[in-house]
Each structure stands twice: as C-alpha cells, then as structure tokens.
C-alpha cells in the first residue's frame, strides 16, 4: 500500500468514525427529546434541575451537616383537598434521593393563598418532639423555591431565616399540642388550635447559624 493509499484509508476511517459519532449523538438526542415529550410539563424541569439541587444539598451538608430546607411552593400547584399529600408529591424526587443518605424530617406545611411553605430538616440530631416547643435549635436554612412561571427549582442559603424559622417551628409545636408532625396550617380556610401545650416562652438552647 502506497503512502497515498494509507493516507486515504486513514482519512476514510476517521471520517467514518466521526460520522458514526454524529449518528450516535443524533439518535441519543432524538431519544432524549422523545422521552421529555412523554413527560408532563411539570415533570420536565424536575429532571433538568434536581441534579443541581442535590449537589447544592450535598455541599451544604458537607459544610454544616445539619440544615433546614424552607420550601416555597406556588399554592396553585397543590391539591386543595390534601395539601400535605400534594406537597409530599412535589418534593418526592428530593426526598427519595436523600432518604437513605440523611435523616429527614418534614416538620410543617403552611398554606397561604399564593405561597405554601414547608420546613424539612436534614440531620437535626437535637430535635426532640417532646420539648420542641421550648428547645429551639437554630440550624442553617436553605430556601428551596419552585418557580410559578418556569416550573424550575432553585436553592440557596438564606441566613436571615435561621432564627425566625426555628422560633416559628417551636411555636407550631406549642400551638398544635400533641398532634403528630408534619403540622398543617391552612391559612386559607383558617387555623384552629384546640389543645396547645401552654408552655413558657421558647428559649434558644442551641445555635449553629454558620
């Protein structure tokens, strides 16, 4: 085989390999697009952005070990017949990813006309249901928000809520007496607390807001 033939053969193989790679890429891209087409509109952004959310949570746990997620959901995306169940459904992918990797505890869901908020603890070793109305544990808060328009998730550190959210959670334990968590506060229909614990004012027993 002459040098010219070898050169042509090499170019032919290279072009053939490149064409094969392009074909594989097009097929993969087509399959992905078809797969996304099969998904509902609300499911598509979850796949796109939840990986980044999980990475942010992983980084936060590496820094703090204990964190508190303050979820912010558009109330219109929830089922008014069962706010707790529909909140769990919206955050199912997050919970499923972390339930074997961290100690998760959904504490409360508060429903307002436009926004619904929930508190989800990761590795809060100091939580004790029996004295949670007086034992206020301040841990780093991360705001986890679902966009009403783009249906995308964002998560970021939200230090201003560290103390206020901890105190709010203590208040909810006080107001709801011996009701099990997660507490549901429906501010649309109106909230009634039948048997509060009637304790002293909560005091901060532990603080780790860094």
C-alpha atoms as a PDB file:
ATOM      1  CA  UNK A   1       0.000   0.000   0.000  1.00  0.00           C
ATOM      2  CA  UNK A   2       1.411   3.362  -1.019  1.00  0.00           C
ATOM      3  CA  UNK A   3       1.614   6.334   1.316  1.00  0.00           C
ATOM      4  CA  UNK A   4      -1.219   7.989  -0.613  1.00  0.00           C
ATOM      5  CA  UNK A   5      -3.417   4.919  -0.199  1.00  0.00           C
ATOM      6  CA  UNK A   6      -2.602   4.718   3.508  1.00  0.00           C
ATOM      7  CA  UNK A   7      -3.435   8.411   3.869  1.00  0.00           C
ATOM      8  CA  UNK A   8      -6.763   7.980   2.078  1.00  0.00           C
ATOM      9  CA  UNK A   9      -7.543   4.904   4.171  1.00  0.00           C
ATOM     10  CA  UNK A  10      -6.803   6.813   7.397  1.00  0.00           C
ATOM     11  CA  UNK A  11      -8.945   9.757   6.323  1.00  0.00           C
ATOM     12  CA  UNK A  12     -11.757   7.395   5.327  1.00  0.00           C
ATOM     13  CA  UNK A  13     -11.660   5.649   8.706  1.00  0.00           C
ATOM     14  CA  UNK A  14     -11.528   8.943  10.567  1.00  0.00           C
ATOM     15  CA  UNK A  15     -14.475  10.331   8.634  1.00  0.00           C
ATOM     16  CA  UNK A  16     -16.379   7.096   9.122  1.00  0.00           C
ATOM     17  CA  UNK A  17     -15.771   7.181  12.868  1.00  0.00           C
ATOM     18  CA  UNK A  18     -16.800  10.836  13.009  1.00  0.00           C
ATOM     19  CA  UNK A  19     -19.978  10.117  11.070  1.00  0.00           C
ATOM     20  CA  UNK A  20     -20.734   7.241  13.435  1.00  0.00           C
ATOM     21  CA  UNK A  21     -20.287   9.520  16.445  1.00  0.00           C
ATOM     22  CA  UNK A  22     -22.537  12.158  14.884  1.00  0.00           C
ATOM     23  CA  UNK A  23     -25.154   9.497  14.167  1.00  0.00           C
ATOM     24  CA  UNK A  24     -24.997   8.207  17.743  1.00  0.00           C
ATOM     25  CA  UNK A  25     -25.337  11.750  19.068  1.00  0.00           C
ATOM     26  CA  UNK A  26     -28.366  12.444  16.870  1.00  0.00           C
ATOM     27  CA  UNK A  27     -30.026   9.194  17.903  1.00  0.00           C
ATOM     28  CA  UNK A  28     -29.370   9.889  21.592  1.00  0.00           C
ATOM     29  CA  UNK A  29     -30.634  13.455  21.272  1.00  0.00           C
ATOM     30  CA  UNK A  30     -33.754  12.249  19.486  1.00  0.00           C
ATOM     31  CA  UNK A  31     -34.454   9.671  22.186  1.00  0.00           C
ATOM     32  CA  UNK A  32     -33.975  12.254  24.922  1.00  0.00           C
ATOM     33  CA  UNK A  33     -36.317  14.688  23.181  1.00  0.00           C
ATOM     34  CA  UNK A  34     -38.892  11.927  22.734  1.00  0.00           C
ATOM     35  CA  UNK A  35     -38.552  10.922  26.386  1.00  0.00           C
ATOM     36  CA  UNK A  36     -39.064  14.521  27.507  1.00  0.00           C
ATOM     37  CA  UNK A  37     -42.060  14.778  25.170  1.00  0.00           C
ATOM     38  CA  UNK A  38     -43.668  11.879  27.025  1.00  0.00           C
ATOM     39  CA  UNK A  39     -43.232  13.640  30.356  1.00  0.00           C
ATOM     40  CA  UNK A  40     -45.786  16.096  31.647  1.00  0.00           C
ATOM     41  CA  UNK A  41     -44.821  19.755  31.585  1.00  0.00           C
ATOM     42  CA  UNK A  42     -44.324  19.871  35.348  1.00  0.00           C
ATOM     43  CA  UNK A  43     -42.013  16.829  35.346  1.00  0.00           C
ATOM     44  CA  UNK A  44     -39.548  18.091  32.735  1.00  0.00           C
ATOM     45  CA  UNK A  45     -37.786  20.816  34.763  1.00  0.00           C
ATOM     46  CA  UNK A  46     -37.511  18.499  37.758  1.00  0.00           C
ATOM     47  CA  UNK A  47     -35.231  16.188  35.776  1.00  0.00           C
ATOM     48  CA  UNK A  48     -33.220  19.117  34.446  1.00  0.00           C
ATOM     49  CA  UNK A  49     -32.595  20.947  37.687  1.00  0.00           C
ATOM     50  CA  UNK A  50     -32.912  18.420  40.533  1.00  0.00           C
ATOM     51  CA  UNK A  51     -29.372  17.203  39.922  1.00  0.00           C
ATOM     52  CA  UNK A  52     -28.093  20.717  40.671  1.00  0.00           C
ATOM     53  CA  UNK A  53     -30.322  20.927  43.728  1.00  0.00           C
ATOM     54  CA  UNK A  54     -28.991  17.633  45.068  1.00  0.00           C
ATOM     55  CA  UNK A  55     -25.438  18.836  44.520  1.00  0.00           C
ATOM     56  CA  UNK A  56     -26.214  22.033  46.433  1.00  0.00           C
ATOM     57  CA  UNK A  57     -27.695  19.997  49.290  1.00  0.00           C
ATOM     58  CA  UNK A  58     -24.642  17.735  49.281  1.00  0.00           C
ATOM     59  CA  UNK A  59     -22.330  20.752  49.507  1.00  0.00           C
ATOM     60  CA  UNK A  60     -24.434  22.234  52.306  1.00  0.00           C
ATOM     61  CA  UNK A  61     -24.348  19.008  54.320  1.00  0.00           C
ATOM     62  CA  UNK A  62     -20.596  18.762  53.833  1.00  0.00           C
ATOM     63  CA  UNK A  63     -20.285  22.251  55.314  1.00  0.00           C
ATOM     64  CA  UNK A  64     -22.894  22.165  58.079  1.00  0.00           C
ATOM     65  CA  UNK A  65     -24.029  18.516  58.490  1.00  0.00           C
ATOM     66  CA  UNK A  66     -27.414  19.783  59.786  1.00  0.00           C
ATOM     67  CA  UNK A  67     -29.529  22.002  57.535  1.00  0.00           C
ATOM     68  CA  UNK A  68     -33.137  23.086  57.293  1.00  0.00           C
ATOM     69  CA  UNK A  69     -34.916  23.421  53.971  1.00  0.00           C
ATOM     70  CA  UNK A  70     -37.516  26.178  53.788  1.00  0.00           C
ATOM     71  CA  UNK A  71     -39.653  25.219  50.818  1.00  0.00           C
ATOM     72  CA  UNK A  72     -41.575  27.849  48.864  1.00  0.00           C
ATOM     73  CA  UNK A  73     -44.253  26.422  46.551  1.00  0.00           C
ATOM     74  CA  UNK A  74     -46.958  28.110  44.471  1.00  0.00           C
ATOM     75  CA  UNK A  75     -50.180  27.155  46.232  1.00  0.00           C
ATOM     76  CA  UNK A  76     -51.934  26.812  42.878  1.00  0.00           C
ATOM     77  CA  UNK A  77     -49.809  23.728  42.167  1.00  0.00           C
ATOM     78  CA  UNK A  78     -51.187  21.900  45.200  1.00  0.00           C
ATOM     79  CA  UNK A  79     -54.344  19.870  45.614  1.00  0.00           C
ATOM     80  CA  UNK A  80     -56.635  21.857  47.888  1.00  0.00           C
ATOM     81  CA  UNK A  81     -58.238  18.607  49.033  1.00  0.00           C
ATOM     82  CA  UNK A  82     -54.945  17.396  50.530  1.00  0.00           C
ATOM     83  CA  UNK A  83     -52.186  19.967  50.910  1.00  0.00           C
ATOM     84  CA  UNK A  84     -49.881  17.629  52.815  1.00  0.00           C
ATOM     85  CA  UNK A  85     -50.035  14.836  50.260  1.00  0.00           C
ATOM     86  CA  UNK A  86     -49.567  17.160  47.295  1.00  0.00           C
ATOM     87  CA  UNK A  87     -46.623  18.883  48.990  1.00  0.00           C
ATOM     88  CA  UNK A  88     -45.008  15.492  49.521  1.00  0.00           C
ATOM     89  CA  UNK A  89     -45.661  14.674  45.874  1.00  0.00           C
ATOM     90  CA  UNK A  90     -43.963  17.847  44.630  1.00  0.00           C
ATOM     91  CA  UNK A  91     -40.817  17.201  46.667  1.00  0.00           C
ATOM     92  CA  UNK A  92     -40.832  13.432  46.173  1.00  0.00           C
ATOM     93  CA  UNK A  93     -37.741  13.376  43.941  1.00  0.00           C
ATOM     94  CA  UNK A  94     -35.714  15.321  46.521  1.00  0.00           C
ATOM     95  CA  UNK A  95     -36.864  13.147  49.415  1.00  0.00           C
ATOM     96  CA  UNK A  96     -36.360   9.888  47.517  1.00  0.00           C
ATOM     97  CA  UNK A  97     -32.788  10.854  46.663  1.00  0.00           C
ATOM     98  CA  UNK A  98     -31.858  11.744  50.253  1.00  0.00           C
ATOM     99  CA  UNK A  99     -33.963   9.473  52.452  1.00  0.00           C
ATOM    100  CA  UNK A 100     -31.232   6.801  52.609  1.00  0.00           C
ATOM    101  CA  UNK A 101     -28.376   9.322  52.812  1.00  0.00           C
ATOM    102  CA  UNK A 102     -29.629  11.637  55.556  1.00  0.00           C
ATOM    103  CA  UNK A 103     -32.073  11.744  58.451  1.00  0.00           C
ATOM    104  CA  UNK A 104     -35.043  13.647  57.011  1.00  0.00           C
ATOM    105  CA  UNK A 105     -37.907  15.125  58.990  1.00  0.00           C
ATOM    106  CA  UNK A 106     -40.801  17.076  57.477  1.00  0.00           C
ATOM    107  CA  UNK A 107     -41.958  19.335  60.301  1.00  0.00           C
ATOM    108  CA  UNK A 108     -44.688  21.572  58.967  1.00  0.00           C
ATOM    109  CA  UNK A 109     -46.570  22.876  55.946  1.00  0.00           C
ATOM    110  CA  UNK A 110     -48.142  26.349  55.986  1.00  0.00           C
ATOM    111  CA  UNK A 111     -50.623  27.223  53.258  1.00  0.00           C
ATOM    112  CA  UNK A 112     -51.338  30.792  52.163  1.00  0.00           C
ATOM    113  CA  UNK A 113     -53.322  31.983  49.120  1.00  0.00           C
ATOM    114  CA  UNK A 114     -50.310  32.415  46.809  1.00  0.00           C
ATOM    115  CA  UNK A 115     -47.472  30.583  48.555  1.00  0.00           C
ATOM    116  CA  UNK A 116     -47.141  27.408  50.586  1.00  0.00           C
ATOM    117  CA  UNK A 117     -44.124  26.918  52.821  1.00  0.00           C
ATOM    118  CA  UNK A 118     -42.697  23.774  54.366  1.00  0.00           C
ATOM    119  CA  UNK A 119     -39.844  23.004  56.748  1.00  0.00           C
ATOM    120  CA  UNK A 120     -37.730  19.913  56.085  1.00  0.00           C
ATOM    121  CA  UNK A 121     -34.806  19.088  58.379  1.00  0.00           C
ATOM    122  CA  UNK A 122     -31.692  17.186  57.363  1.00  0.00           C
ATOM    123  CA  UNK A 123     -29.722  15.523  60.191  1.00  0.00           C
ATOM    124  CA  UNK A 124     -31.163  17.611  63.020  1.00  0.00           C
ATOM    125  CA  UNK A 125     -29.805  15.409  65.822  1.00  0.00           C
ATOM    126  CA  UNK A 126     -31.045  17.773  68.542  1.00  0.00           C
ATOM    127  CA  UNK A 127     -34.711  17.565  67.582  1.00  0.00           C
ATOM    128  CA  UNK A 128     -36.948  16.156  70.301  1.00  0.00           C
ATOM    129  CA  UNK A 129     -40.689  16.224  69.741  1.00  0.00           C
ATOM    130  CA  UNK A 130     -41.479  16.326  73.455  1.00  0.00           C
ATOM    131  CA  UNK A 131     -39.619  19.560  74.145  1.00  0.00           C
ATOM    132  CA  UNK A 132     -39.519  21.090  70.652  1.00  0.00           C
ATOM    133  CA  UNK A 133     -41.883  23.847  71.840  1.00  0.00           C
ATOM    134  CA  UNK A 134     -39.194  25.208  74.187  1.00  0.00           C
ATOM    135  CA  UNK A 135     -35.964  23.766  72.801  1.00  0.00           C
ATOM    136  CA  UNK A 136     -35.294  25.994  69.798  1.00  0.00           C
ATOM    137  CA  UNK A 137     -32.491  24.629  67.642  1.00  0.00           C
ATOM    138  CA  UNK A 138     -31.176  27.152  65.131  1.00  0.00           C
ATOM    139  CA  UNK A 139     -29.576  25.497  62.112  1.00  0.00           C
ATOM    140  CA  UNK A 140     -28.652  26.857  58.656  1.00  0.00           C
ATOM    141  CA  UNK A 141     -31.649  27.470  56.409  1.00  0.00           C
ATOM    142  CA  UNK A 142     -31.668  26.956  52.652  1.00  0.00           C
ATOM    143  CA  UNK A 143     -34.529  28.361  50.613  1.00  0.00           C
ATOM    144  CA  UNK A 144     -35.860  25.816  48.112  1.00  0.00           C
ATOM    145  CA  UNK A 145     -38.194  27.524  45.658  1.00  0.00           C
ATOM    146  CA  UNK A 146     -40.366  26.308  42.801  1.00  0.00           C
ATOM    147  CA  UNK A 147     -40.957  28.969  40.156  1.00  0.00           C
ATOM    148  CA  UNK A 148     -44.575  29.564  39.224  1.00  0.00           C
ATOM    149  CA  UNK A 149     -43.725  30.564  35.642  1.00  0.00           C
ATOM    150  CA  UNK A 150     -40.746  28.443  34.629  1.00  0.00           C
ATOM    151  CA  UNK A 151     -41.563  25.428  36.848  1.00  0.00           C
ATOM    152  CA  UNK A 152     -37.878  25.266  37.812  1.00  0.00           C
ATOM    153  CA  UNK A 153     -36.307  24.728  41.216  1.00  0.00           C
ATOM    154  CA  UNK A 154     -33.729  26.970  42.861  1.00  0.00           C
ATOM    155  CA  UNK A 155     -31.943  26.549  46.174  1.00  0.00           C
ATOM    156  CA  UNK A 156     -29.703  28.947  48.067  1.00  0.00           C
ATOM    157  CA  UNK A 157     -28.521  29.787  51.568  1.00  0.00           C
ATOM    158  CA  UNK A 158     -30.965  32.085  53.375  1.00  0.00           C
ATOM    159  CA  UNK A 159     -29.347  33.081  56.658  1.00  0.00           C
ATOM    160  CA  UNK A 160     -31.978  35.689  57.676  1.00  0.00           C
ATOM    161  CA  UNK A 161     -34.431  32.823  58.292  1.00  0.00           C
ATOM    162  CA  UNK A 162     -32.183  30.794  60.617  1.00  0.00           C
ATOM    163  CA  UNK A 163     -33.544  32.148  63.909  1.00  0.00           C
ATOM    164  CA  UNK A 164     -37.029  33.204  62.838  1.00  0.00           C
ATOM    165  CA  UNK A 165     -37.852  29.845  61.249  1.00  0.00           C
ATOM    166  CA  UNK A 166     -36.521  27.966  64.293  1.00  0.00           C
ATOM    167  CA  UNK A 167     -38.777  30.027  66.561  1.00  0.00           C
ATOM    168  CA  UNK A 168     -41.729  29.555  64.226  1.00  0.00           C
ATOM    169  CA  UNK A 169     -41.258  25.782  64.376  1.00  0.00           C
ATOM    170  CA  UNK A 170     -41.205  25.945  68.175  1.00  0.00           C
ATOM    171  CA  UNK A 171     -44.436  27.957  68.093  1.00  0.00           C
ATOM    172  CA  UNK A 172     -46.075  25.371  65.843  1.00  0.00           C
ATOM    173  CA  UNK A 173     -45.178  22.615  68.314  1.00  0.00           C
ATOM    174  CA  UNK A 174     -46.705  24.751  71.069  1.00  0.00           C
ATOM    175  CA  UNK A 175     -49.898  25.562  69.165  1.00  0.00           C
ATOM    176  CA  UNK A 176     -50.500  22.019  67.881  1.00  0.00           C
ATOM    177  CA  UNK A 177     -50.150  20.328  71.249  1.00  0.00           C
ATOM    178  CA  UNK A 178     -49.589  16.599  70.823  1.00  0.00           C
ATOM    179  CA  UNK A 179     -50.603  16.435  67.162  1.00  0.00           C
ATOM    180  CA  UNK A 180     -48.122  14.472  65.046  1.00  0.00           C
ATOM    181  CA  UNK A 181     -45.743  16.136  62.627  1.00  0.00           C
ATOM    182  CA  UNK A 182     -45.872  17.394  59.966  1.00  0.00           C
ATOM    183  CA  UNK A 183     -48.243  20.085  61.162  1.00  0.00           C
ATOM    184  CA  UNK A 184     -50.614  21.613  58.606  1.00  0.00           C
ATOM    185  CA  UNK A 185     -51.501  25.289  58.969  1.00  0.00           C
ATOM    186  CA  UNK A 186     -54.159  26.203  56.405  1.00  0.00           C
ATOM    187  CA  UNK A 187     -54.409  29.992  56.466  1.00  0.00           C
ATOM    188  CA  UNK A 188     -56.923  29.957  53.601  1.00  0.00           C
ATOM    189  CA  UNK A 189     -59.629  28.033  55.449  1.00  0.00           C
ATOM    190  CA  UNK A 190     -58.480  29.332  58.816  1.00  0.00           C
ATOM    191  CA  UNK A 191     -56.367  27.779  61.565  1.00  0.00           C
ATOM    192  CA  UNK A 192     -57.768  26.488  64.848  1.00  0.00           C
ATOM    193  CA  UNK A 193     -55.615  25.038  67.629  1.00  0.00           C
ATOM    194  CA  UNK A 194     -57.709  23.031  70.059  1.00  0.00           C
ATOM    195  CA  UNK A 195     -55.159  21.838  72.611  1.00  0.00           C
ATOM    196  CA  UNK A 196     -51.919  23.834  72.728  1.00  0.00           C
ATOM    197  CA  UNK A 197     -49.193  22.815  75.122  1.00  0.00           C
ATOM    198  CA  UNK A 198     -49.456  26.072  77.125  1.00  0.00           C
ATOM    199  CA  UNK A 199     -45.762  26.237  77.847  1.00  0.00           C
ATOM    200  CA  UNK A 200     -43.409  29.002  78.795  1.00  0.00           C
ATOM    201  CA  UNK A 201     -41.938  31.118  76.026  1.00  0.00           C
ATOM    202  CA  UNK A 202     -39.418  29.218  73.890  1.00  0.00           C
ATOM    203  CA  UNK A 203     -35.751  29.751  74.625  1.00  0.00           C
ATOM    204  CA  UNK A 204     -32.851  29.227  72.269  1.00  0.00           C
ATOM    205  CA  UNK A 205     -30.977  26.183  73.518  1.00  0.00           C
ATOM    206  CA  UNK A 206     -28.681  25.607  70.582  1.00  0.00           C
ATOM    207  CA  UNK A 207     -27.486  27.748  67.723  1.00  0.00           C
ATOM    208  CA  UNK A 208     -25.373  26.895  64.713  1.00  0.00           C
ATOM    209  CA  UNK A 209     -26.158  29.518  62.068  1.00  0.00           C
ATOM    210  CA  UNK A 210     -22.908  29.463  60.132  1.00  0.00           C
END
